[in-house]
PDB file of N, CA and C in Angstrom:
ATOM      1  N   MET A   1     -14.216  -2.936  13.718  1.00  0.00           N
ATOM      2  CA  MET A   1     -13.929  -1.860  13.250  1.00  0.00           C
ATOM      3  C   MET A   1     -13.611  -2.018  11.873  1.00  0.00           C
ATOM      4  N   THR A   2     -13.748  -0.803  11.188  1.00  0.00           N
ATOM      5  CA  THR A   2     -13.479  -1.218   9.057  1.00  0.00           C
ATOM      6  C   THR A   2     -12.921   0.395   8.778  1.00  0.00           C
ATOM      7  N   ALA A   3     -12.253   0.077   8.097  1.00  0.00           N
ATOM      8  CA  ALA A   3     -11.566   1.224   7.288  1.00  0.00           C
ATOM      9  C   ALA A   3     -12.500   2.044   6.717  1.00  0.00           C
ATOM     10  N   PRO A   4     -12.897   3.165   7.213  1.00  0.00           N
ATOM     11  CA  PRO A   4     -13.607   4.155   5.989  1.00  0.00           C
ATOM     12  C   PRO A   4     -12.813   4.886   4.980  1.00  0.00           C
ATOM     13  N   LEU A   5     -12.862   3.940   3.900  1.00  0.00           N
ATOM     14  CA  LEU A   5     -12.225   4.240   2.552  1.00  0.00           C
ATOM     15  C   LEU A   5     -13.008   5.740   2.173  1.00  0.00           C
ATOM     16  N   ASP A   6     -11.918   6.508   1.448  1.00  0.00           N
ATOM     17  CA  ASP A   6     -12.571   7.802   1.303  1.00  0.00           C
ATOM     18  C   ASP A   6     -13.391   7.122  -0.253  1.00  0.00           C
ATOM     19  N   ILE A   7     -14.528   7.690  -0.466  1.00  0.00           N
ATOM     20  CA  ILE A   7     -15.282   7.681  -2.092  1.00  0.00           C
ATOM     21  C   ILE A   7     -14.595   8.535  -2.804  1.00  0.00           C
ATOM     22  N   GLU A   8     -14.575   9.903  -2.178  1.00  0.00           N
ATOM     23  CA  GLU A   8     -13.796  11.044  -3.032  1.00  0.00           C
ATOM     24  C   GLU A   8     -12.493  11.951  -2.342  1.00  0.00           C
ATOM     25  N   GLY A   9     -11.897  12.685  -3.085  1.00  0.00           N
ATOM     26  CA  GLY A   9     -10.711  13.078  -2.631  1.00  0.00           C
ATOM     27  C   GLY A   9      -9.220  12.626  -2.935  1.00  0.00           C
ATOM     28  N   PRO A  10      -8.325  13.210  -2.002  1.00  0.00           N
ATOM     29  CA  PRO A  10      -7.116  12.834  -2.726  1.00  0.00           C
ATOM     30  C   PRO A  10      -6.650  11.301  -1.923  1.00  0.00           C
ATOM     31  N   ALA A  11      -7.044  10.633  -1.053  1.00  0.00           N
ATOM     32  CA  ALA A  11      -6.591   9.658  -0.746  1.00  0.00           C
ATOM     33  C   ALA A  11      -7.842   8.414  -0.939  1.00  0.00           C
ATOM     34  N   ALA A  12      -8.545   8.566  -2.119  1.00  0.00           N
ATOM     35  CA  ALA A  12      -9.433   7.275  -2.352  1.00  0.00           C
ATOM     36  C   ALA A  12      -8.849   6.926  -3.385  1.00  0.00           C
ATOM     37  N   PRO A  13      -8.986   5.204  -3.078  1.00  0.00           N
ATOM     38  CA  PRO A  13      -8.336   4.433  -3.947  1.00  0.00           C
ATOM     39  C   PRO A  13      -9.127   4.478  -5.243  1.00  0.00           C
ATOM     40  N   PRO A  14      -8.489   3.887  -6.464  1.00  0.00           N
ATOM     41  CA  PRO A  14      -8.688   3.794  -7.515  1.00  0.00           C
ATOM     42  C   PRO A  14      -9.805   2.545  -7.736  1.00  0.00           C
ATOM     43  N   ARG A  15     -10.927   3.038  -8.331  1.00  0.00           N
ATOM     44  CA  ARG A  15     -12.375   2.358  -8.309  1.00  0.00           C
ATOM     45  C   ARG A  15     -12.586   2.206 -10.288  1.00  0.00           C
ATOM     46  N   SER A  16     -13.090   0.814 -10.327  1.00  0.00           N
ATOM     47  CA  SER A  16     -13.912   1.136 -11.449  1.00  0.00           C
ATOM     48  C   SER A  16     -15.317   0.825 -11.355  1.00  0.00           C
ATOM     49  N   ASN A  17     -16.353   0.949 -11.815  1.00  0.00           N
ATOM     50  CA  ASN A  17     -17.539   0.989 -11.325  1.00  0.00           C
ATOM     51  C   ASN A  17     -17.739   0.613 -10.116  1.00  0.00           C
ATOM     52  N   GLY A  18     -17.259   1.069  -9.151  1.00  0.00           N
ATOM     53  CA  GLY A  18     -17.463   1.294  -7.295  1.00  0.00           C
ATOM     54  C   GLY A  18     -16.447   0.015  -6.944  1.00  0.00           C
ATOM     55  N   GLU A  19     -15.534  -0.863  -7.763  1.00  0.00           N
ATOM     56  CA  GLU A  19     -15.094  -1.665  -7.359  1.00  0.00           C
ATOM     57  C   GLU A  19     -13.454  -1.213  -7.278  1.00  0.00           C
ATOM     58  N   LEU A  20     -12.725  -1.696  -6.193  1.00  0.00           N
ATOM     59  CA  LEU A  20     -11.412  -1.355  -5.991  1.00  0.00           C
ATOM     60  C   LEU A  20     -10.599  -1.990  -7.229  1.00  0.00           C
ATOM     61  N   VAL A  21      -9.508  -1.039  -7.934  1.00  0.00           N
ATOM     62  CA  VAL A  21      -8.837  -1.687  -8.883  1.00  0.00           C
ATOM     63  C   VAL A  21      -7.475  -1.490  -8.705  1.00  0.00           C
ATOM     64  N   PHE A  22      -6.963  -2.969  -8.686  1.00  0.00           N
ATOM     65  CA  PHE A  22      -5.058  -3.682  -8.545  1.00  0.00           C
ATOM     66  C   PHE A  22      -5.008  -3.852 -10.067  1.00  0.00           C
ATOM     67  N   ALA A  23      -4.102  -2.982 -10.153  1.00  0.00           N
ATOM     68  CA  ALA A  23      -2.828  -3.941 -11.355  1.00  0.00           C
ATOM     69  C   ALA A  23      -2.138  -4.956 -10.953  1.00  0.00           C
ATOM     70  N   GLU A  24      -1.315  -4.729  -9.424  1.00  0.00           N
ATOM     71  CA  GLU A  24      -0.681  -6.066  -9.664  1.00  0.00           C
ATOM     72  C   GLU A  24      -0.876  -6.119  -8.485  1.00  0.00           C
ATOM     73  N   PRO A  25      -0.740  -7.879  -8.140  1.00  0.00           N
ATOM     74  CA  PRO A  25      -1.134  -8.560  -6.503  1.00  0.00           C
ATOM     75  C   PRO A  25      -0.456  -8.059  -5.501  1.00  0.00           C
ATOM     76  N   TRP A  26       0.719  -7.269  -5.573  1.00  0.00           N
ATOM     77  CA  TRP A  26       1.237  -6.667  -4.376  1.00  0.00           C
ATOM     78  C   TRP A  26       0.152  -5.696  -4.053  1.00  0.00           C
ATOM     79  N   GLU A  27      -0.008  -5.126  -4.813  1.00  0.00           N
ATOM     80  CA  GLU A  27      -0.971  -3.702  -4.577  1.00  0.00           C
ATOM     81  C   GLU A  27      -2.501  -4.313  -3.625  1.00  0.00           C
ATOM     82  N   SER A  28      -2.694  -5.134  -4.185  1.00  0.00           N
ATOM     83  CA  SER A  28      -4.123  -5.757  -3.202  1.00  0.00           C
ATOM     84  C   SER A  28      -3.198  -6.007  -1.799  1.00  0.00           C
ATOM     85  N   ARG A  29      -2.331  -7.129  -1.699  1.00  0.00           N
ATOM     86  CA  ARG A  29      -1.657  -7.150  -0.273  1.00  0.00           C
ATOM     87  C   ARG A  29      -0.968  -5.785   0.248  1.00  0.00           C
ATOM     88  N   ALA A  30      -0.610  -4.981  -0.139  1.00  0.00           N
ATOM     89  CA  ALA A  30      -0.274  -3.753   0.581  1.00  0.00           C
ATOM     90  C   ALA A  30      -1.919  -3.095   0.784  1.00  0.00           C
ATOM     91  N   PHE A  31      -2.885  -2.750  -0.176  1.00  0.00           N
ATOM     92  CA  PHE A  31      -3.858  -2.618   0.773  1.00  0.00           C
ATOM     93  C   PHE A  31      -4.482  -3.162   1.728  1.00  0.00           C
ATOM     94  N   GLY A  32      -4.599  -4.623   1.533  1.00  0.00           N
ATOM     95  CA  GLY A  32      -5.193  -5.284   2.752  1.00  0.00           C
ATOM     96  C   GLY A  32      -4.318  -5.097   4.147  1.00  0.00           C
ATOM     97  N   MET A  33      -3.134  -5.246   3.883  1.00  0.00           N
ATOM     98  CA  MET A  33      -1.934  -5.049   5.113  1.00  0.00           C
ATOM     99  C   MET A  33      -2.464  -3.874   5.810  1.00  0.00           C
ATOM    100  N   ALA A  34      -2.822  -2.755   5.113  1.00  0.00           N
ATOM    101  CA  ALA A  34      -3.024  -1.640   6.072  1.00  0.00           C
ATOM    102  C   ALA A  34      -3.954  -1.371   6.472  1.00  0.00           C
ATOM    103  N   VAL A  35      -5.268  -1.993   5.846  1.00  0.00           N
ATOM    104  CA  VAL A  35      -6.399  -2.297   6.202  1.00  0.00           C
ATOM    105  C   VAL A  35      -6.550  -3.573   7.382  1.00  0.00           C
ATOM    106  N   SER A  36      -6.056  -4.306   7.463  1.00  0.00           N
ATOM    107  CA  SER A  36      -5.664  -5.000   8.500  1.00  0.00           C
ATOM    108  C   SER A  36      -5.218  -4.734   9.550  1.00  0.00           C
ATOM    109  N   LEU A  37      -3.935  -3.999   9.513  1.00  0.00           N
ATOM    110  CA  LEU A  37      -3.331  -3.518  10.400  1.00  0.00           C
ATOM    111  C   LEU A  37      -4.145  -2.356  11.333  1.00  0.00           C
ATOM    112  N   HIS A  38      -5.042  -1.190  10.704  1.00  0.00           N
ATOM    113  CA  HIS A  38      -6.254  -0.236  10.869  1.00  0.00           C
ATOM    114  C   HIS A  38      -6.937  -1.372  12.197  1.00  0.00           C
ATOM    115  N   GLU A  39      -7.468  -2.534  11.159  1.00  0.00           N
ATOM    116  CA  GLU A  39      -8.707  -2.939  12.368  1.00  0.00           C
ATOM    117  C   GLU A  39      -7.839  -3.627  13.255  1.00  0.00           C
ATOM    118  N   ALA A  40      -7.070  -4.037  13.433  1.00  0.00           N
ATOM    119  CA  ALA A  40      -5.991  -4.707  14.609  1.00  0.00           C
ATOM    120  C   ALA A  40      -5.825  -3.614  15.815  1.00  0.00           C
ATOM    121  N   GLY A  41      -5.788  -2.622  15.235  1.00  0.00           N
ATOM    122  CA  GLY A  41      -5.613  -1.573  15.947  1.00  0.00           C
ATOM    123  C   GLY A  41      -4.204  -0.820  16.294  1.00  0.00           C
ATOM    124  N   THR A  42      -3.620  -1.059  15.006  1.00  0.00           N
ATOM    125  CA  THR A  42      -2.271  -0.468  15.426  1.00  0.00           C
ATOM    126  C   THR A  42      -2.273   0.863  14.953  1.00  0.00           C
ATOM    127  N   PHE A  43      -2.979   1.626  14.191  1.00  0.00           N
ATOM    128  CA  PHE A  43      -3.138   2.523  14.123  1.00  0.00           C
ATOM    129  C   PHE A  43      -4.925   3.310  13.739  1.00  0.00           C
ATOM    130  N   THR A  44      -4.689   4.784  13.868  1.00  0.00           N
ATOM    131  CA  THR A  44      -6.084   5.101  13.492  1.00  0.00           C
ATOM    132  C   THR A  44      -6.575   5.066  12.040  1.00  0.00           C
ATOM    133  N   TRP A  45      -7.394   4.955  11.636  1.00  0.00           N
ATOM    134  CA  TRP A  45      -7.431   5.143   9.909  1.00  0.00           C
ATOM    135  C   TRP A  45      -7.069   6.774   9.585  1.00  0.00           C
ATOM    136  N   PRO A  46      -7.732   8.048  10.737  1.00  0.00           N
ATOM    137  CA  PRO A  46      -7.174   9.616  10.229  1.00  0.00           C
ATOM    138  C   PRO A  46      -5.575   9.415  10.054  1.00  0.00           C
ATOM    139  N   GLU A  47      -4.942   8.308  10.770  1.00  0.00           N
ATOM    140  CA  GLU A  47      -3.864   8.468  11.052  1.00  0.00           C
ATOM    141  C   GLU A  47      -2.915   8.394   9.261  1.00  0.00           C
ATOM    142  N   PHE A  48      -3.231   7.187   9.240  1.00  0.00           N
ATOM    143  CA  PHE A  48      -3.141   6.533   8.079  1.00  0.00           C
ATOM    144  C   PHE A  48      -3.383   7.463   6.427  1.00  0.00           C
ATOM    145  N   ARG A  49      -4.758   8.066   6.859  1.00  0.00           N
ATOM    146  CA  ARG A  49      -5.349   9.019   5.516  1.00  0.00           C
ATOM    147  C   ARG A  49      -4.318   9.945   5.769  1.00  0.00           C
ATOM    148  N   ALA A  50      -3.839  10.611   6.555  1.00  0.00           N
ATOM    149  CA  ALA A  50      -3.123  11.882   6.988  1.00  0.00           C
ATOM    150  C   ALA A  50      -1.477  11.567   5.999  1.00  0.00           C
ATOM    151  N   ALA A  51      -1.009  10.438   6.339  1.00  0.00           N
ATOM    152  CA  ALA A  51       0.669  10.233   5.706  1.00  0.00           C
ATOM    153  C   ALA A  51       0.247   9.879   4.275  1.00  0.00           C
ATOM    154  N   LEU A  52      -1.053   9.063   4.027  1.00  0.00           N
ATOM    155  CA  LEU A  52      -1.341   9.500   2.399  1.00  0.00           C
ATOM    156  C   LEU A  52      -1.384  10.660   1.905  1.00  0.00           C
ATOM    157  N   ILE A  53      -2.428  11.557   2.187  1.00  0.00           N
ATOM    158  CA  ILE A  53      -2.628  12.560   1.881  1.00  0.00           C
ATOM    159  C   ILE A  53      -1.108  13.438   1.369  1.00  0.00           C
ATOM    160  N   ALA A  54      -0.162  13.279   2.626  1.00  0.00           N
ATOM    161  CA  ALA A  54       0.801  13.789   2.564  1.00  0.00           C
ATOM    162  C   ALA A  54       1.865  13.430   1.438  1.00  0.00           C
ATOM    163  N   ARG A  55       2.039  12.083   1.263  1.00  0.00           N
ATOM    164  CA  ARG A  55       2.835  11.314   0.398  1.00  0.00           C
ATOM    165  C   ARG A  55       1.946  11.456  -0.965  1.00  0.00           C
ATOM    166  N   ILE A  56       0.679  11.855  -1.137  1.00  0.00           N
ATOM    167  CA  ILE A  56       0.452  11.925  -2.645  1.00  0.00           C
ATOM    168  C   ILE A  56       0.672  13.877  -2.689  1.00  0.00           C
ATOM    169  N   ALA A  57       1.125  14.672  -1.994  1.00  0.00           N
ATOM    170  CA  ALA A  57       0.914  15.744  -1.868  1.00  0.00           C
ATOM    171  C   ALA A  57       2.326  16.100  -2.283  1.00  0.00           C
ATOM    172  N   ALA A  58       3.367  15.374  -1.521  1.00  0.00           N
ATOM    173  CA  ALA A  58       4.981  15.110  -1.831  1.00  0.00           C
ATOM    174  C   ALA A  58       5.265  14.573  -3.392  1.00  0.00           C
ATOM    175  N   TRP A  59       4.197  13.934  -3.854  1.00  0.00           N
ATOM    176  CA  TRP A  59       4.629  13.425  -5.260  1.00  0.00           C
ATOM    177  C   TRP A  59       4.411  14.438  -6.271  1.00  0.00           C
ATOM    178  N   GLU A  60       3.121  14.797  -5.845  1.00  0.00           N
ATOM    179  CA  GLU A  60       2.247  15.791  -6.687  1.00  0.00           C
ATOM    180  C   GLU A  60       3.226  17.016  -7.065  1.00  0.00           C
ATOM    181  N   ALA A  61       4.241  17.552  -5.800  1.00  0.00           N
ATOM    182  CA  ALA A  61       5.192  18.843  -5.655  1.00  0.00           C
ATOM    183  C   ALA A  61       6.328  18.602  -6.132  1.00  0.00           C
ATOM    184  N   GLY A  62       6.432  17.128  -6.130  1.00  0.00           N
ATOM    185  CA  GLY A  62       8.113  16.765  -6.900  1.00  0.00           C
ATOM    186  C   GLY A  62       8.002  15.739  -8.162  1.00  0.00           C
ATOM    187  N   ALA A  63       7.071  15.523  -8.517  1.00  0.00           N
ATOM    188  CA  ALA A  63       7.142  14.192  -9.388  1.00  0.00           C
ATOM    189  C   ALA A  63       7.713  14.683 -10.724  1.00  0.00           C
ATOM    190  N   ALA A  64       9.013  14.436 -11.682  1.00  0.00           N
ATOM    191  CA  ALA A  64       9.445  14.646 -12.394  1.00  0.00           C
ATOM    192  C   ALA A  64       8.611  14.466 -13.728  1.00  0.00           C
ATOM    193  N   PRO A  65       8.898  15.700 -14.720  1.00  0.00           N
ATOM    194  CA  PRO A  65       7.765  15.370 -15.959  1.00  0.00           C
ATOM    195  C   PRO A  65       7.806  14.092 -16.401  1.00  0.00           C
ATOM    196  N   GLY A  66       6.561  13.657 -16.880  1.00  0.00           N
ATOM    197  CA  GLY A  66       6.638  12.170 -17.421  1.00  0.00           C
ATOM    198  C   GLY A  66       6.523  11.183 -16.098  1.00  0.00           C
ATOM    199  N   GLU A  67       6.830  11.221 -14.897  1.00  0.00           N
ATOM    200  CA  GLU A  67       6.694  10.265 -14.151  1.00  0.00           C
ATOM    201  C   GLU A  67       5.248   9.697 -13.757  1.00  0.00           C
ATOM    202  N   PRO A  68       5.095   8.383 -13.798  1.00  0.00           N
ATOM    203  CA  PRO A  68       3.682   7.895 -13.936  1.00  0.00           C
ATOM    204  C   PRO A  68       3.554   7.888 -12.526  1.00  0.00           C
ATOM    205  N   TYR A  69       1.918   8.113 -12.116  1.00  0.00           N
ATOM    206  CA  TYR A  69       1.494   8.278 -10.673  1.00  0.00           C
ATOM    207  C   TYR A  69       1.084   6.942 -10.487  1.00  0.00           C
ATOM    208  N   ASN A  70       1.458   6.451  -9.283  1.00  0.00           N
ATOM    209  CA  ASN A  70       1.029   4.891  -8.816  1.00  0.00           C
ATOM    210  C   ASN A  70       0.537   5.175  -7.156  1.00  0.00           C
ATOM    211  N   TYR A  71      -0.806   5.195  -7.677  1.00  0.00           N
ATOM    212  CA  TYR A  71      -1.374   5.657  -5.965  1.00  0.00           C
ATOM    213  C   TYR A  71      -0.799   4.145  -4.926  1.00  0.00           C
ATOM    214  N   TYR A  72      -0.686   3.103  -5.620  1.00  0.00           N
ATOM    215  CA  TYR A  72      -0.295   1.968  -4.446  1.00  0.00           C
ATOM    216  C   TYR A  72       1.327   2.066  -3.695  1.00  0.00           C
ATOM    217  N   ARG A  73       1.986   2.662  -4.461  1.00  0.00           N
ATOM    218  CA  ARG A  73       3.423   3.139  -4.225  1.00  0.00           C
ATOM    219  C   ARG A  73       3.089   3.890  -3.089  1.00  0.00           C
ATOM    220  N   LEU A  74       2.714   4.909  -3.202  1.00  0.00           N
ATOM    221  CA  LEU A  74       2.492   6.390  -2.097  1.00  0.00           C
ATOM    222  C   LEU A  74       1.590   5.018  -1.427  1.00  0.00           C
ATOM    223  N   TRP A  75       0.378   4.697  -1.394  1.00  0.00           N
ATOM    224  CA  TRP A  75      -0.280   3.513  -0.142  1.00  0.00           C
ATOM    225  C   TRP A  75       0.874   3.372   1.016  1.00  0.00           C
ATOM    226  N   LEU A  76       1.918   2.275   0.065  1.00  0.00           N
ATOM    227  CA  LEU A  76       2.590   1.619   0.670  1.00  0.00           C
ATOM    228  C   LEU A  76       3.767   2.404   1.558  1.00  0.00           C
ATOM    229  N   ALA A  77       4.308   3.532   0.709  1.00  0.00           N
ATOM    230  CA  ALA A  77       5.032   4.548   1.387  1.00  0.00           C
ATOM    231  C   ALA A  77       4.342   4.980   2.550  1.00  0.00           C
ATOM    232  N   ALA A  78       3.249   5.632   2.452  1.00  0.00           N
ATOM    233  CA  ALA A  78       2.146   5.850   3.708  1.00  0.00           C
ATOM    234  C   ALA A  78       2.001   4.735   4.801  1.00  0.00           C
ATOM    235  N   LEU A  79       1.830   3.635   4.550  1.00  0.00           N
ATOM    236  CA  LEU A  79       1.937   2.584   5.606  1.00  0.00           C
ATOM    237  C   LEU A  79       3.322   2.578   6.222  1.00  0.00           C
ATOM    238  N   GLU A  80       4.281   2.664   5.475  1.00  0.00           N
ATOM    239  CA  GLU A  80       5.490   2.538   6.154  1.00  0.00           C
ATOM    240  C   GLU A  80       6.005   3.697   6.609  1.00  0.00           C
ATOM    241  N   ASP A  81       4.999   4.878   6.522  1.00  0.00           N
ATOM    242  CA  ASP A  81       5.536   6.075   7.241  1.00  0.00           C
ATOM    243  C   ASP A  81       5.106   5.689   8.594  1.00  0.00           C
ATOM    244  N   VAL A  82       3.652   5.184   8.745  1.00  0.00           N
ATOM    245  CA  VAL A  82       2.643   5.075   9.781  1.00  0.00           C
ATOM    246  C   VAL A  82       3.931   4.108  10.933  1.00  0.00           C
ATOM    247  N   LEU A  83       3.729   3.548  10.284  1.00  0.00           N
ATOM    248  CA  LEU A  83       4.639   2.218  10.766  1.00  0.00           C
ATOM    249  C   LEU A  83       5.707   2.862  11.935  1.00  0.00           C
ATOM    250  N   ALA A  84       6.653   3.101  10.956  1.00  0.00           N
ATOM    251  CA  ALA A  84       7.951   3.976  11.251  1.00  0.00           C
ATOM    252  C   ALA A  84       7.745   5.089  12.236  1.00  0.00           C
ATOM    253  N   GLY A  85       6.944   5.595  12.347  1.00  0.00           N
ATOM    254  CA  GLY A  85       6.436   6.667  13.152  1.00  0.00           C
ATOM    255  C   GLY A  85       5.997   6.024  14.817  1.00  0.00           C
ATOM    256  N   LEU A  86       5.261   5.078  14.673  1.00  0.00           N
ATOM    257  CA  LEU A  86       4.888   4.268  15.341  1.00  0.00           C
ATOM    258  C   LEU A  86       5.878   3.516  16.479  1.00  0.00           C
ATOM    259  N   CYS A  87       7.111   3.516  15.518  1.00  0.00           N
ATOM    260  CA  CYS A  87       8.582   2.623  16.239  1.00  0.00           C
ATOM    261  C   CYS A  87       7.523   0.888  15.950  1.00  0.00           C
ATOM    262  N   ALA A  88       6.591   0.768  15.089  1.00  0.00           N
ATOM    263  CA  ALA A  88       6.323  -0.571  14.637  1.00  0.00           C
ATOM    264  C   ALA A  88       7.436  -1.552  13.849  1.00  0.00           C
ATOM    265  N   VAL A  89       8.003  -0.440  13.260  1.00  0.00           N
ATOM    266  CA  VAL A  89       8.857  -1.447  12.377  1.00  0.00           C
ATOM    267  C   VAL A  89      10.274   0.055  11.668  1.00  0.00           C
ATOM    268  N   SER A  90      11.690  -0.480  11.953  1.00  0.00           N
ATOM    269  CA  SER A  90      12.417   0.577  11.852  1.00  0.00           C
ATOM    270  C   SER A  90      12.101   0.848  10.200  1.00  0.00           C
ATOM    271  N   THR A  91      12.849   1.932   9.812  1.00  0.00           N
ATOM    272  CA  THR A  91      13.000   2.245   8.248  1.00  0.00           C
ATOM    273  C   THR A  91      13.682   1.027   7.582  1.00  0.00           C
ATOM    274  N   ASP A  92      14.827   0.837   8.608  1.00  0.00           N
ATOM    275  CA  ASP A  92      16.085   0.135   8.144  1.00  0.00           C
ATOM    276  C   ASP A  92      15.570  -1.449   7.853  1.00  0.00           C
ATOM    277  N   GLU A  93      14.639  -1.858   8.521  1.00  0.00           N
ATOM    278  CA  GLU A  93      13.935  -3.297   8.652  1.00  0.00           C
ATOM    279  C   GLU A  93      12.999  -3.219   7.346  1.00  0.00           C
ATOM    280  N   VAL A  94      12.251  -1.722   6.885  1.00  0.00           N
ATOM    281  CA  VAL A  94      11.230  -1.677   5.605  1.00  0.00           C
ATOM    282  C   VAL A  94      12.306  -1.313   4.806  1.00  0.00           C
ATOM    283  N   THR A  95      13.729  -1.311   4.588  1.00  0.00           N
ATOM    284  CA  THR A  95      14.405  -1.217   3.633  1.00  0.00           C
ATOM    285  C   THR A  95      14.962  -2.625   2.929  1.00  0.00           C
ATOM    286  N   ALA A  96      15.502  -3.619   4.277  1.00  0.00           N
ATOM    287  CA  ALA A  96      16.005  -4.743   4.177  1.00  0.00           C
ATOM    288  C   ALA A  96      15.295  -5.638   3.521  1.00  0.00           C
ATOM    289  N   ARG A  97      13.987  -5.424   4.063  1.00  0.00           N
ATOM    290  CA  ARG A  97      12.651  -6.041   3.647  1.00  0.00           C
ATOM    291  C   ARG A  97      12.357  -5.960   1.889  1.00  0.00           C
ATOM    292  N   THR A  98      12.374  -5.089   1.724  1.00  0.00           N
ATOM    293  CA  THR A  98      11.643  -4.296   0.558  1.00  0.00           C
ATOM    294  C   THR A  98      12.804  -5.231  -0.562  1.00  0.00           C
ATOM    295  N   GLN A  99      14.240  -4.746  -0.108  1.00  0.00           N
ATOM    296  CA  GLN A  99      14.944  -5.626  -1.122  1.00  0.00           C
ATOM    297  C   GLN A  99      15.163  -6.991  -1.445  1.00  0.00           C
ATOM    298  N   THR A 100      14.654  -7.622  -0.302  1.00  0.00           N
ATOM    299  CA  THR A 100      14.688  -9.174  -0.186  1.00  0.00           C
ATOM    300  C   THR A 100      13.309  -9.328  -0.979  1.00  0.00           C
ATOM    301  N   LEU A 101      12.514  -8.472  -0.952  1.00  0.00           N
ATOM    302  CA  LEU A 101      11.143  -8.890  -1.730  1.00  0.00           C
ATOM    303  C   LEU A 101      11.451  -8.465  -3.407  1.00  0.00           C
ATOM    304  N   THR A 102      12.077  -7.703  -3.159  1.00  0.00           N
ATOM    305  CA  THR A 102      12.319  -7.076  -5.031  1.00  0.00           C
ATOM    306  C   THR A 102      13.283  -8.116  -5.893  1.00  0.00           C
ATOM    307  N   GLN A 103      13.992  -8.809  -5.089  1.00  0.00           N
ATOM    308  CA  GLN A 103      14.618  -9.992  -5.746  1.00  0.00           C
ATOM    309  C   GLN A 103      14.264 -11.439  -5.869  1.00  0.00           C
ATOM    310  N   ARG A 104      12.846 -11.456  -5.263  1.00  0.00           N
ATOM    311  CA  ARG A 104      12.425 -12.759  -5.455  1.00  0.00           C
ATOM    312  C   ARG A 104      11.552 -12.922  -6.986  1.00  0.00           C
ATOM    313  N   PRO A 105      11.456 -14.040  -7.539  1.00  0.00           N
ATOM    314  CA  PRO A 105      11.118 -14.114  -8.969  1.00  0.00           C
ATOM    315  C   PRO A 105       9.762 -13.517  -8.837  1.00  0.00           C
ATOM    316  N   GLN A 106       9.678 -13.006 -10.328  1.00  0.00           N
ATOM    317  CA  GLN A 106       8.101 -12.224 -10.278  1.00  0.00           C
ATOM    318  C   GLN A 106       6.652 -13.433 -10.399  1.00  0.00           C
ATOM    319  N   ASP A 107       7.166 -14.600 -10.427  1.00  0.00           N
ATOM    320  CA  ASP A 107       5.969 -15.820 -10.353  1.00  0.00           C
ATOM    321  C   ASP A 107       6.212 -16.539  -8.851  1.00  0.00           C
ATOM    322  N   HIS A 108       6.793 -15.805  -8.098  1.00  0.00           N
ATOM    323  CA  HIS A 108       6.661 -16.379  -7.103  1.00  0.00           C
ATOM    324  C   HIS A 108       5.791 -17.448  -6.501  1.00  0.00           C
ATOM    325  N   ASP A 109       4.677 -16.293  -6.316  1.00  0.00           N
ATOM    326  CA  ASP A 109       3.486 -16.532  -5.772  1.00  0.00           C
ATOM    327  C   ASP A 109       2.579 -17.764  -6.405  1.00  0.00           C
ATOM    328  N   HIS A 110       3.014 -18.134  -7.779  1.00  0.00           N
ATOM    329  CA  HIS A 110       2.355 -18.817  -8.505  1.00  0.00           C
ATOM    330  C   HIS A 110       3.225 -20.052  -8.655  1.00  0.00           C
ATOM    331  N   ARG A 111       4.513 -20.865  -8.038  1.00  0.00           N
ATOM    332  CA  ARG A 111       5.229 -21.501  -8.414  1.00  0.00           C
ATOM    333  C   ARG A 111       5.340 -22.771  -7.689  1.00  0.00           C
ATOM    334  N   ASP A 112       4.915 -23.910  -7.483  1.00  0.00           N
ATOM    335  CA  ASP A 112       5.177 -25.352  -6.796  1.00  0.00           C
ATOM    336  C   ASP A 112       3.655 -25.197  -5.996  1.00  0.00           C
ATOM    337  N   HIS A 113       2.695 -24.614  -6.458  1.00  0.00           N
ATOM    338  CA  HIS A 113       1.102 -24.949  -6.534  1.00  0.00           C
ATOM    339  C   HIS A 113       0.713 -26.069  -7.051  1.00  0.00           C
ATOM    340  N   PRO A 114      -0.018 -27.656  -6.493  1.00  0.00           N
ATOM    341  CA  PRO A 114      -0.764 -27.811  -7.471  1.00  0.00           C
ATOM    342  C   PRO A 114      -1.631 -27.104  -8.269  1.00  0.00           C
ATOM    343  N   ASP A 115      -2.434 -27.954  -9.537  1.00  0.00           N
ATOM    344  CA  ASP A 115      -3.324 -27.147 -10.037  1.00  0.00           C
ATOM    345  C   ASP A 115      -4.721 -27.534  -9.039  1.00  0.00           C
ATOM    346  N   PRO A 116      -5.583 -26.688  -9.466  1.00  0.00           N
ATOM    347  CA  PRO A 116      -6.595 -26.741  -8.736  1.00  0.00           C
ATOM    348  C   PRO A 116      -7.714 -28.154  -9.331  1.00  0.00           C
ATOM    349  N   PRO A 117      -8.195 -28.520  -8.589  1.00  0.00           N
ATOM    350  CA  PRO A 117      -9.212 -29.389  -8.954  1.00  0.00           C
ATOM    351  C   PRO A 117     -10.443 -29.657 -10.292  1.00  0.00           C
ATOM    352  N   HIS A 118     -10.513 -30.030 -11.497  1.00  0.00           N
ATOM    353  CA  HIS A 118     -11.587 -29.682 -12.411  1.00  0.00           C
ATOM    354  C   HIS A 118     -12.696 -29.919 -12.093  1.00  0.00           C
TER     355      HIS A 118
END
C-alpha cells in the first residue's frame, strides 16, 4: 500500500522538476512518518488528505499579513489532527514531545557520528 500523493491541488507537496522538495531535515521526517503510518494501516490516505486540506484552508483564512506559508508545518499539524482524532496520541503528548524536540540543538542529528570512510 502506498500513499497516493496528489500531483496537483491544495494537498500537493512542494516539488521541483517532479521531485519532492524539503527545505529542512524535519520536513522529510514528518513526510516519511505520515506515509509510513498510512502504509501501516493507521489511517487512510483520504483521512489524512482531508485533514491537510482543512489545515491549509484554515491557514489561508486566518494567516496574518506577511505570514510565510509553510506546507510541512501544515502537514505535521494535519498528521497530529489525524492521530489525535484516532486517539493514537493525545494532544498533550504531542505538545510535550514538540517542546522536547524544539529544545534539542539544531545539529543534534549530526553530532557524535564517525566520519564516513573515504
